[in-house]
Amino acid sequence: MQLVDRPLSAIPLTAQADLLSLSRRSLYYQPVPPAPAEVA
């Protein structure tokens, strides 16, 4: 389930973030997988 509709939304991302009580920074965060050395 995706709470924020990015490309074709009539509501700007800032307004969506405010409505969901999210920081705008969290909308752009993309987790980085751990390095193989960290997993082994």
Protein backbone atom coordinates (compact mmCIF):
# COMPACT_ATOMS: atom_id res chain seq x y z
CA MET A 1 0.00 0.00 0.00
CA GLN A 2 1.36 3.38 -0.96
CA LEU A 3 0.03 6.34 0.99
CA VAL A 4 1.52 9.09 -1.15
CA ASP A 5 0.52 9.46 -4.79
CA ARG A 6 3.49 11.07 -6.53
CA PRO A 7 3.27 11.57 -10.29
CA LEU A 8 -0.32 12.42 -11.20
CA SER A 9 -1.71 13.74 -7.95
CA ALA A 10 -3.76 16.93 -7.81
CA ILE A 11 -2.48 17.48 -4.26
CA PRO A 12 1.17 18.61 -3.95
CA LEU A 13 3.60 16.35 -2.08
CA THR A 14 3.96 18.91 0.69
CA ALA A 15 0.20 18.90 1.31
CA GLN A 16 0.06 15.09 1.24
CA ALA A 17 2.90 14.92 3.75
CA ASP A 18 1.10 17.38 6.04
CA LEU A 19 -2.17 15.42 5.81
CA LEU A 20 -0.37 12.20 6.74
CA SER A 21 1.76 13.86 9.44
CA LEU A 22 4.93 12.82 7.63
CA SER A 23 8.08 14.81 7.11
CA ARG A 24 8.80 15.68 3.49
CA ARG A 25 12.25 14.16 3.92
CA SER A 26 10.68 10.75 4.56
CA LEU A 27 8.93 10.92 1.17
CA TYR A 28 12.27 10.96 -0.62
CA TYR A 29 14.15 8.49 1.61
CA GLN A 30 15.27 5.34 -0.17
CA PRO A 31 16.89 2.71 2.05
CA VAL A 32 20.27 1.39 0.99
CA PRO A 33 20.81 -2.37 1.32
CA PRO A 34 23.71 -3.40 3.57
CA ALA A 35 27.07 -4.06 1.99
CA PRO A 36 27.97 -7.74 1.50
CA ALA A 37 30.80 -7.35 4.03
CA GLU A 38 28.30 -6.23 6.67
CA VAL A 39 26.01 -9.21 6.06
CA ALA A 40 28.70 -11.89 6.14
